[in-house]
């Protein structure tokens, strides 16, 4: 009934066009580091912040927050709380 003539043939669709828009691993890591720092500064009280608060702020699980804090490297984690390591 003419429905198929509206479809685009596969030869005209280039599935590779989106690869230029994808972020590199370095860009994704920068984004994660930046988001952890922002979330920490938003919830930080007396040098500490709850991991649950950061998880809620970012909309991720607490396990994800712990992994991102470890990836960052400048945070300590203890009893559901985290804070910046002191520079000595």
PDB file of N, CA and C in Angstrom:
ATOM      1  N   UNK A   1       0.835  -1.180   0.000  1.00  0.00           N
ATOM      2  CA  UNK A   1       0.000   0.000   0.000  1.00  0.00           C
ATOM      3  C   UNK A   1       0.886   1.251   0.000  1.00  0.00           C
ATOM      4  N   UNK A   2       2.146   1.126  -0.327  1.00  0.00           N
ATOM      5  CA  UNK A   2       3.029   2.277  -0.438  1.00  0.00           C
ATOM      6  C   UNK A   2       3.767   2.648   0.833  1.00  0.00           C
ATOM      7  N   UNK A   3       3.672   1.845   1.872  1.00  0.00           N
ATOM      8  CA  UNK A   3       4.312   2.160   3.146  1.00  0.00           C
ATOM      9  C   UNK A   3       5.830   2.074   3.043  1.00  0.00           C
ATOM     10  N   UNK A   4       6.334   1.130   2.305  1.00  0.00           N
ATOM     11  CA  UNK A   4       7.774   0.910   2.223  1.00  0.00           C
ATOM     12  C   UNK A   4       8.512   1.999   1.467  1.00  0.00           C
ATOM     13  N   UNK A   5       7.846   2.766   0.617  1.00  0.00           N
ATOM     14  CA  UNK A   5       8.555   3.799  -0.143  1.00  0.00           C
ATOM     15  C   UNK A   5       8.990   4.969   0.739  1.00  0.00           C
ATOM     16  N   UNK A   6       8.429   5.078   1.948  1.00  0.00           N
ATOM     17  CA  UNK A   6       8.822   6.132   2.888  1.00  0.00           C
ATOM     18  C   UNK A   6      10.112   5.792   3.638  1.00  0.00           C
ATOM     19  N   UNK A   7      10.529   4.536   3.632  1.00  0.00           N
ATOM     20  CA  UNK A   7      11.729   4.119   4.340  1.00  0.00           C
ATOM     21  C   UNK A   7      12.982   4.540   3.599  1.00  0.00           C
ATOM     22  N   UNK A   8      14.037   4.813   4.366  1.00  0.00           N
ATOM     23  CA  UNK A   8      15.330   5.161   3.789  1.00  0.00           C
ATOM     24  C   UNK A   8      16.151   3.898   3.623  1.00  0.00           C
ATOM     25  N   UNK A   9      16.700   3.679   2.444  1.00  0.00           N
ATOM     26  CA  UNK A   9      17.543   2.491   2.260  1.00  0.00           C
ATOM     27  C   UNK A   9      18.779   2.561   3.151  1.00  0.00           C
ATOM     28  N   UNK A  10      19.307   1.416   3.545  1.00  0.00           N
ATOM     29  CA  UNK A  10      20.468   1.376   4.433  1.00  0.00           C
ATOM     30  C   UNK A  10      21.678   2.077   3.844  1.00  0.00           C
ATOM     31  N   UNK A  11      21.805   2.097   2.546  1.00  0.00           N
ATOM     32  CA  UNK A  11      22.963   2.726   1.921  1.00  0.00           C
ATOM     33  C   UNK A  11      22.978   4.237   2.153  1.00  0.00           C
ATOM     34  N   UNK A  12      21.816   4.848   2.392  1.00  0.00           N
ATOM     35  CA  UNK A  12      21.764   6.290   2.644  1.00  0.00           C
ATOM     36  C   UNK A  12      21.952   6.625   4.115  1.00  0.00           C
ATOM     37  N   UNK A  13      21.784   5.659   4.990  1.00  0.00           N
ATOM     38  CA  UNK A  13      21.939   5.890   6.421  1.00  0.00           C
ATOM     39  C   UNK A  13      23.354   5.532   6.825  1.00  0.00           C
ATOM     40  N   UNK A  14      24.088   6.500   7.327  1.00  0.00           N
ATOM     41  CA  UNK A  14      25.464   6.264   7.753  1.00  0.00           C
ATOM     42  C   UNK A  14      25.495   6.163   9.273  1.00  0.00           C
ATOM     43  N   UNK A  15      25.579   4.960   9.793  1.00  0.00           N
ATOM     44  CA  UNK A  15      25.560   4.729  11.227  1.00  0.00           C
ATOM     45  C   UNK A  15      26.814   5.255  11.923  1.00  0.00           C
ATOM     46  N   UNK A  16      27.843   5.578  11.157  1.00  0.00           N
ATOM     47  CA  UNK A  16      29.093   6.072  11.744  1.00  0.00           C
ATOM     48  C   UNK A  16      29.068   7.564  12.035  1.00  0.00           C
ATOM     49  N   UNK A  17      28.032   8.258  11.664  1.00  0.00           N
ATOM     50  CA  UNK A  17      28.014   9.707  11.834  1.00  0.00           C
ATOM     51  C   UNK A  17      28.002  10.135  13.299  1.00  0.00           C
ATOM     52  N   UNK A  18      27.563   9.282  14.205  1.00  0.00           N
ATOM     53  CA  UNK A  18      27.496   9.644  15.618  1.00  0.00           C
ATOM     54  C   UNK A  18      28.816   9.458  16.357  1.00  0.00           C
ATOM     55  N   UNK A  19      29.788   8.790  15.742  1.00  0.00           N
ATOM     56  CA  UNK A  19      31.050   8.563  16.425  1.00  0.00           C
ATOM     57  C   UNK A  19      31.796   9.858  16.720  1.00  0.00           C
ATOM     58  N   UNK A  20      31.639  10.865  15.925  1.00  0.00           N
ATOM     59  CA  UNK A  20      32.336  12.127  16.171  1.00  0.00           C
ATOM     60  C   UNK A  20      31.757  12.859  17.377  1.00  0.00           C
ATOM     61  N   UNK A  21      30.552  12.547  17.770  1.00  0.00           N
ATOM     62  CA  UNK A  21      29.900  13.207  18.905  1.00  0.00           C
ATOM     63  C   UNK A  21      30.178  12.507  20.231  1.00  0.00           C
ATOM     64  N   UNK A  22      30.728  11.306  20.198  1.00  0.00           N
ATOM     65  CA  UNK A  22      30.963  10.548  21.415  1.00  0.00           C
ATOM     66  C   UNK A  22      32.122  11.141  22.201  1.00  0.00           C
ATOM     67  N   UNK A  23      32.030  11.062  23.526  1.00  0.00           N
ATOM     68  CA  UNK A  23      33.093  11.558  24.385  1.00  0.00           C
ATOM     69  C   UNK A  23      34.204  10.522  24.488  1.00  0.00           C
ATOM     70  N   UNK A  24      35.421  11.011  24.674  1.00  0.00           N
ATOM     71  CA  UNK A  24      36.553  10.112  24.886  1.00  0.00           C
ATOM     72  C   UNK A  24      36.568   9.677  26.348  1.00  0.00           C
ATOM     73  N   UNK A  25      37.367   8.680  26.660  1.00  0.00           N
ATOM     74  CA  UNK A  25      37.488   8.217  28.044  1.00  0.00           C
ATOM     75  C   UNK A  25      37.978   9.330  28.959  1.00  0.00           C
ATOM     76  N   UNK A  26      38.897  10.156  28.474  1.00  0.00           N
ATOM     77  CA  UNK A  26      39.430  11.260  29.278  1.00  0.00           C
ATOM     78  C   UNK A  26      38.340  12.282  29.577  1.00  0.00           C
ATOM     79  N   UNK A  27      37.501  12.572  28.591  1.00  0.00           N
ATOM     80  CA  UNK A  27      36.411  13.531  28.799  1.00  0.00           C
ATOM     81  C   UNK A  27      35.397  12.993  29.806  1.00  0.00           C
ATOM     82  N   UNK A  28      35.095  11.704  29.729  1.00  0.00           N
ATOM     83  CA  UNK A  28      34.155  11.113  30.685  1.00  0.00           C
ATOM     84  C   UNK A  28      34.735  11.133  32.091  1.00  0.00           C
ATOM     85  N   UNK A  29      36.035  10.881  32.224  1.00  0.00           N
ATOM     86  CA  UNK A  29      36.668  10.899  33.543  1.00  0.00           C
ATOM     87  C   UNK A  29      36.645  12.314  34.115  1.00  0.00           C
ATOM     88  N   UNK A  30      36.930  13.321  33.287  1.00  0.00           N
ATOM     89  CA  UNK A  30      36.870  14.713  33.738  1.00  0.00           C
ATOM     90  C   UNK A  30      35.478  15.064  34.240  1.00  0.00           C
ATOM     91  N   UNK A  31      34.451  14.597  33.526  1.00  0.00           N
ATOM     92  CA  UNK A  31      33.072  14.853  33.927  1.00  0.00           C
ATOM     93  C   UNK A  31      32.756  14.206  35.274  1.00  0.00           C
ATOM     94  N   UNK A  32      33.224  12.970  35.483  1.00  0.00           N
ATOM     95  CA  UNK A  32      32.976  12.279  36.748  1.00  0.00           C
ATOM     96  C   UNK A  32      33.676  12.984  37.899  1.00  0.00           C
ATOM     97  N   UNK A  33      34.925  13.381  37.689  1.00  0.00           N
ATOM     98  CA  UNK A  33      35.691  14.079  38.728  1.00  0.00           C
ATOM     99  C   UNK A  33      35.011  15.400  39.072  1.00  0.00           C
ATOM    100  N   UNK A  34      34.619  16.120  38.065  1.00  0.00           N
ATOM    101  CA  UNK A  34      33.964  17.411  38.277  1.00  0.00           C
ATOM    102  C   UNK A  34      32.638  17.254  39.016  1.00  0.00           C
ATOM    103  N   UNK A  35      31.854  16.251  38.650  1.00  0.00           N
ATOM    104  CA  UNK A  35      30.557  16.057  39.292  1.00  0.00           C
ATOM    105  C   UNK A  35      30.711  15.648  40.754  1.00  0.00           C
ATOM    106  N   UNK A  36      31.715  14.827  41.059  1.00  0.00           N
ATOM    107  CA  UNK A  36      31.957  14.436  42.458  1.00  0.00           C
ATOM    108  C   UNK A  36      32.359  15.653  43.281  1.00  0.00           C
ATOM    109  N   UNK A  37      33.236  16.499  42.748  1.00  0.00           N
ATOM    110  CA  UNK A  37      33.667  17.697  43.471  1.00  0.00           C
ATOM    111  C   UNK A  37      32.489  18.636  43.713  1.00  0.00           C
ATOM    112  N   UNK A  38      31.633  18.793  42.718  1.00  0.00           N
ATOM    113  CA  UNK A  38      30.474  19.672  42.854  1.00  0.00           C
ATOM    114  C   UNK A  38      29.495  19.121  43.891  1.00  0.00           C
ATOM    115  N   UNK A  39      29.215  17.827  43.823  1.00  0.00           N
ATOM    116  CA  UNK A  39      28.284  17.206  44.761  1.00  0.00           C
ATOM    117  C   UNK A  39      28.833  17.272  46.182  1.00  0.00           C
ATOM    118  N   UNK A  40      30.128  17.052  46.346  1.00  0.00           N
ATOM    119  CA  UNK A  40      30.743  17.130  47.676  1.00  0.00           C
ATOM    120  C   UNK A  40      30.637  18.542  48.236  1.00  0.00           C
ATOM    121  N   UNK A  41      30.959  19.523  47.426  1.00  0.00           N
ATOM    122  CA  UNK A  41      30.911  20.904  47.921  1.00  0.00           C
ATOM    123  C   UNK A  41      29.477  21.343  48.243  1.00  0.00           C
ATOM    124  N   UNK A  42      28.486  20.758  47.565  1.00  0.00           N
ATOM    125  CA  UNK A  42      27.092  21.100  47.839  1.00  0.00           C
ATOM    126  C   UNK A  42      26.622  20.536  49.177  1.00  0.00           C
ATOM    127  N   UNK A  43      27.138  19.388  49.572  1.00  0.00           N
ATOM    128  CA  UNK A  43      26.667  18.759  50.804  1.00  0.00           C
ATOM    129  C   UNK A  43      27.649  18.749  51.942  1.00  0.00           C
ATOM    130  N   UNK A  44      28.802  19.350  51.769  1.00  0.00           N
ATOM    131  CA  UNK A  44      29.866  19.305  52.766  1.00  0.00           C
ATOM    132  C   UNK A  44      29.529  20.158  53.983  1.00  0.00           C
ATOM    133  N   UNK A  45      29.668  19.532  55.170  1.00  0.00           N
ATOM    134  CA  UNK A  45      29.484  20.225  56.442  1.00  0.00           C
ATOM    135  C   UNK A  45      30.646  19.826  57.341  1.00  0.00           C
ATOM    136  N   UNK A  46      31.383  20.804  57.821  1.00  0.00           N
ATOM    137  CA  UNK A  46      32.537  20.572  58.706  1.00  0.00           C
ATOM    138  C   UNK A  46      33.548  19.599  58.099  1.00  0.00           C
ATOM    139  N   UNK A  47      33.773  19.689  56.809  1.00  0.00           N
ATOM    140  CA  UNK A  47      34.777  18.858  56.155  1.00  0.00           C
ATOM    141  C   UNK A  47      34.330  17.446  55.852  1.00  0.00           C
ATOM    142  N   UNK A  48      33.050  17.134  56.080  1.00  0.00           N
ATOM    143  CA  UNK A  48      32.532  15.791  55.826  1.00  0.00           C
ATOM    144  C   UNK A  48      31.262  15.891  54.993  1.00  0.00           C
ATOM    145  N   UNK A  49      30.961  14.793  54.313  1.00  0.00           N
ATOM    146  CA  UNK A  49      29.729  14.713  53.541  1.00  0.00           C
ATOM    147  C   UNK A  49      29.273  13.265  53.518  1.00  0.00           C
ATOM    148  N   UNK A  50      27.996  13.056  53.605  1.00  0.00           N
ATOM    149  CA  UNK A  50      27.436  11.709  53.564  1.00  0.00           C
ATOM    150  C   UNK A  50      27.473  11.168  52.138  1.00  0.00           C
ATOM    151  N   UNK A  51      27.869   9.920  51.998  1.00  0.00           N
ATOM    152  CA  UNK A  51      27.891   9.288  50.686  1.00  0.00           C
ATOM    153  C   UNK A  51      26.474   9.174  50.134  1.00  0.00           C
ATOM    154  N   UNK A  52      25.512   8.950  51.022  1.00  0.00           N
ATOM    155  CA  UNK A  52      24.101   8.872  50.601  1.00  0.00           C
ATOM    156  C   UNK A  52      23.634  10.206  50.024  1.00  0.00           C
ATOM    157  N   UNK A  53      24.072  11.312  50.622  1.00  0.00           N
ATOM    158  CA  UNK A  53      23.700  12.639  50.111  1.00  0.00           C
ATOM    159  C   UNK A  53      24.279  12.875  48.721  1.00  0.00           C
ATOM    160  N   UNK A  54      25.522  12.481  48.521  1.00  0.00           N
ATOM    161  CA  UNK A  54      26.151  12.642  47.211  1.00  0.00           C
ATOM    162  C   UNK A  54      25.440  11.775  46.176  1.00  0.00           C
ATOM    163  N   UNK A  55      25.100  10.544  46.564  1.00  0.00           N
ATOM    164  CA  UNK A  55      24.397   9.635  45.653  1.00  0.00           C
ATOM    165  C   UNK A  55      23.048  10.224  45.246  1.00  0.00           C
ATOM    166  N   UNK A  56      22.338  10.793  46.212  1.00  0.00           N
ATOM    167  CA  UNK A  56      21.050  11.411  45.909  1.00  0.00           C
ATOM    168  C   UNK A  56      21.233  12.627  45.005  1.00  0.00           C
ATOM    169  N   UNK A  57      22.226  13.429  45.269  1.00  0.00           N
ATOM    170  CA  UNK A  57      22.506  14.625  44.473  1.00  0.00           C
ATOM    171  C   UNK A  57      22.808  14.271  43.022  1.00  0.00           C
ATOM    172  N   UNK A  58      23.607  13.208  42.839  1.00  0.00           N
ATOM    173  CA  UNK A  58      24.010  12.806  41.491  1.00  0.00           C
ATOM    174  C   UNK A  58      23.002  11.876  40.816  1.00  0.00           C
ATOM    175  N   UNK A  59      22.105  11.289  41.600  1.00  0.00           N
ATOM    176  CA  UNK A  59      21.141  10.354  41.036  1.00  0.00           C
ATOM    177  C   UNK A  59      21.754   9.013  40.679  1.00  0.00           C
ATOM    178  N   UNK A  60      22.740   8.590  41.474  1.00  0.00           N
ATOM    179  CA  UNK A  60      23.416   7.307  41.257  1.00  0.00           C
ATOM    180  C   UNK A  60      23.398   6.530  42.567  1.00  0.00           C
ATOM    181  N   UNK A  61      23.908   5.294  42.543  1.00  0.00           N
ATOM    182  CA  UNK A  61      23.946   4.484  43.760  1.00  0.00           C
ATOM    183  C   UNK A  61      25.137   4.879  44.628  1.00  0.00           C
ATOM    184  N   UNK A  62      25.080   4.459  45.889  1.00  0.00           N
ATOM    185  CA  UNK A  62      26.182   4.733  46.801  1.00  0.00           C
ATOM    186  C   UNK A  62      27.457   4.013  46.351  1.00  0.00           C
ATOM    187  N   UNK A  63      27.308   2.834  45.766  1.00  0.00           N
ATOM    188  CA  UNK A  63      28.473   2.101  45.264  1.00  0.00           C
ATOM    189  C   UNK A  63      29.159   2.892  44.151  1.00  0.00           C
ATOM    190  N   UNK A  64      28.368   3.517  43.282  1.00  0.00           N
ATOM    191  CA  UNK A  64      28.930   4.342  42.216  1.00  0.00           C
ATOM    192  C   UNK A  64      29.683   5.527  42.804  1.00  0.00           C
ATOM    193  N   UNK A  65      29.116   6.139  43.837  1.00  0.00           N
ATOM    194  CA  UNK A  65      29.785   7.274  44.484  1.00  0.00           C
ATOM    195  C   UNK A  65      31.110   6.829  45.079  1.00  0.00           C
ATOM    196  N   UNK A  66      31.119   5.692  45.754  1.00  0.00           N
ATOM    197  CA  UNK A  66      32.366   5.182  46.342  1.00  0.00           C
ATOM    198  C   UNK A  66      33.420   4.941  45.257  1.00  0.00           C
ATOM    199  N   UNK A  67      32.997   4.348  44.135  1.00  0.00           N
ATOM    200  CA  UNK A  67      33.937   4.101  43.039  1.00  0.00           C
ATOM    201  C   UNK A  67      34.487   5.404  42.470  1.00  0.00           C
ATOM    202  N   UNK A  68      33.629   6.398  42.339  1.00  0.00           N
ATOM    203  CA  UNK A  68      34.083   7.682  41.792  1.00  0.00           C
ATOM    204  C   UNK A  68      34.985   8.415  42.765  1.00  0.00           C
ATOM    205  N   UNK A  69      34.719   8.290  44.064  1.00  0.00           N
ATOM    206  CA  UNK A  69      35.598   8.905  45.065  1.00  0.00           C
ATOM    207  C   UNK A  69      36.975   8.248  45.033  1.00  0.00           C
ATOM    208  N   UNK A  70      37.004   6.923  44.882  1.00  0.00           N
ATOM    209  CA  UNK A  70      38.289   6.213  44.789  1.00  0.00           C
ATOM    210  C   UNK A  70      39.024   6.610  43.513  1.00  0.00           C
ATOM    211  N   UNK A  71      38.268   6.748  42.422  1.00  0.00           N
ATOM    212  CA  UNK A  71      38.875   7.155  41.153  1.00  0.00           C
ATOM    213  C   UNK A  71      39.484   8.552  41.264  1.00  0.00           C
ATOM    214  N   UNK A  72      38.808   9.435  41.993  1.00  0.00           N
ATOM    215  CA  UNK A  72      39.297  10.807  42.167  1.00  0.00           C
ATOM    216  C   UNK A  72      40.621  10.794  42.922  1.00  0.00           C
ATOM    217  N   UNK A  73      40.672  10.042  44.020  1.00  0.00           N
ATOM    218  CA  UNK A  73      41.916   9.877  44.759  1.00  0.00           C
ATOM    219  C   UNK A  73      42.171  10.856  45.883  1.00  0.00           C
ATOM    220  N   UNK A  74      41.470  11.971  45.945  1.00  0.00           N
ATOM    221  CA  UNK A  74      41.723  12.973  46.984  1.00  0.00           C
ATOM    222  C   UNK A  74      40.672  12.951  48.088  1.00  0.00           C
ATOM    223  N   UNK A  75      39.936  11.849  48.215  1.00  0.00           N
ATOM    224  CA  UNK A  75      38.899  11.739  49.231  1.00  0.00           C
ATOM    225  C   UNK A  75      39.160  10.526  50.118  1.00  0.00           C
ATOM    226  N   UNK A  76      38.791  10.646  51.389  1.00  0.00           N
ATOM    227  CA  UNK A  76      38.784   9.497  52.287  1.00  0.00           C
ATOM    228  C   UNK A  76      37.336   9.054  52.444  1.00  0.00           C
ATOM    229  N   UNK A  77      37.151   7.769  52.717  1.00  0.00           N
ATOM    230  CA  UNK A  77      35.819   7.195  52.902  1.00  0.00           C
ATOM    231  C   UNK A  77      35.832   6.398  54.199  1.00  0.00           C
ATOM    232  N   UNK A  78      34.859   6.691  55.078  1.00  0.00           N
ATOM    233  CA  UNK A  78      34.801   5.980  56.358  1.00  0.00           C
ATOM    234  C   UNK A  78      33.388   6.063  56.924  1.00  0.00           C
ATOM    235  N   UNK A  79      32.809   4.926  57.263  1.00  0.00           N
ATOM    236  CA  UNK A  79      31.500   4.839  57.920  1.00  0.00           C
ATOM    237  C   UNK A  79      30.410   5.632  57.209  1.00  0.00           C
ATOM    238  N   UNK A  80      30.326   5.518  55.898  1.00  0.00           N
ATOM    239  CA  UNK A  80      29.260   6.185  55.145  1.00  0.00           C
ATOM    240  C   UNK A  80      29.479   7.662  54.925  1.00  0.00           C
ATOM    241  N   UNK A  81      30.641   8.155  55.299  1.00  0.00           N
ATOM    242  CA  UNK A  81      30.970   9.559  55.086  1.00  0.00           C
ATOM    243  C   UNK A  81      32.268   9.656  54.303  1.00  0.00           C
ATOM    244  N   UNK A  82      32.489  10.833  53.734  1.00  0.00           N
ATOM    245  CA  UNK A  82      33.728  11.066  53.002  1.00  0.00           C
ATOM    246  C   UNK A  82      34.160  12.502  53.239  1.00  0.00           C
ATOM    247  N   UNK A  83      35.397  12.762  52.902  1.00  0.00           N
ATOM    248  CA  UNK A  83      35.951  14.102  53.029  1.00  0.00           C
ATOM    249  C   UNK A  83      37.238  14.198  52.234  1.00  0.00           C
ATOM    250  N   UNK A  84      37.698  15.396  52.073  1.00  0.00           N
ATOM    251  CA  UNK A  84      38.941  15.612  51.348  1.00  0.00           C
ATOM    252  C   UNK A  84      40.131  15.212  52.216  1.00  0.00           C
ATOM    253  N   UNK A  85      41.093  14.562  51.610  1.00  0.00           N
ATOM    254  CA  UNK A  85      42.317  14.216  52.325  1.00  0.00           C
ATOM    255  C   UNK A  85      43.090  15.494  52.593  1.00  0.00           C
ATOM    256  N   UNK A  86      43.701  15.568  53.756  1.00  0.00           N
ATOM    257  CA  UNK A  86      44.475  16.778  54.063  1.00  0.00           C
ATOM    258  C   UNK A  86      45.777  16.747  53.295  1.00  0.00           C
ATOM    259  N   UNK A  87      46.201  17.906  52.867  1.00  0.00           N
ATOM    260  CA  UNK A  87      47.460  18.035  52.118  1.00  0.00           C
ATOM    261  C   UNK A  87      48.570  18.286  53.109  1.00  0.00           C
ATOM    262  N   UNK A  88      49.493  17.337  53.185  1.00  0.00           N
ATOM    263  CA  UNK A  88      50.593  17.481  54.143  1.00  0.00           C
ATOM    264  C   UNK A  88      51.906  17.410  53.421  1.00  0.00           C
TER     265      UNK A  88
END
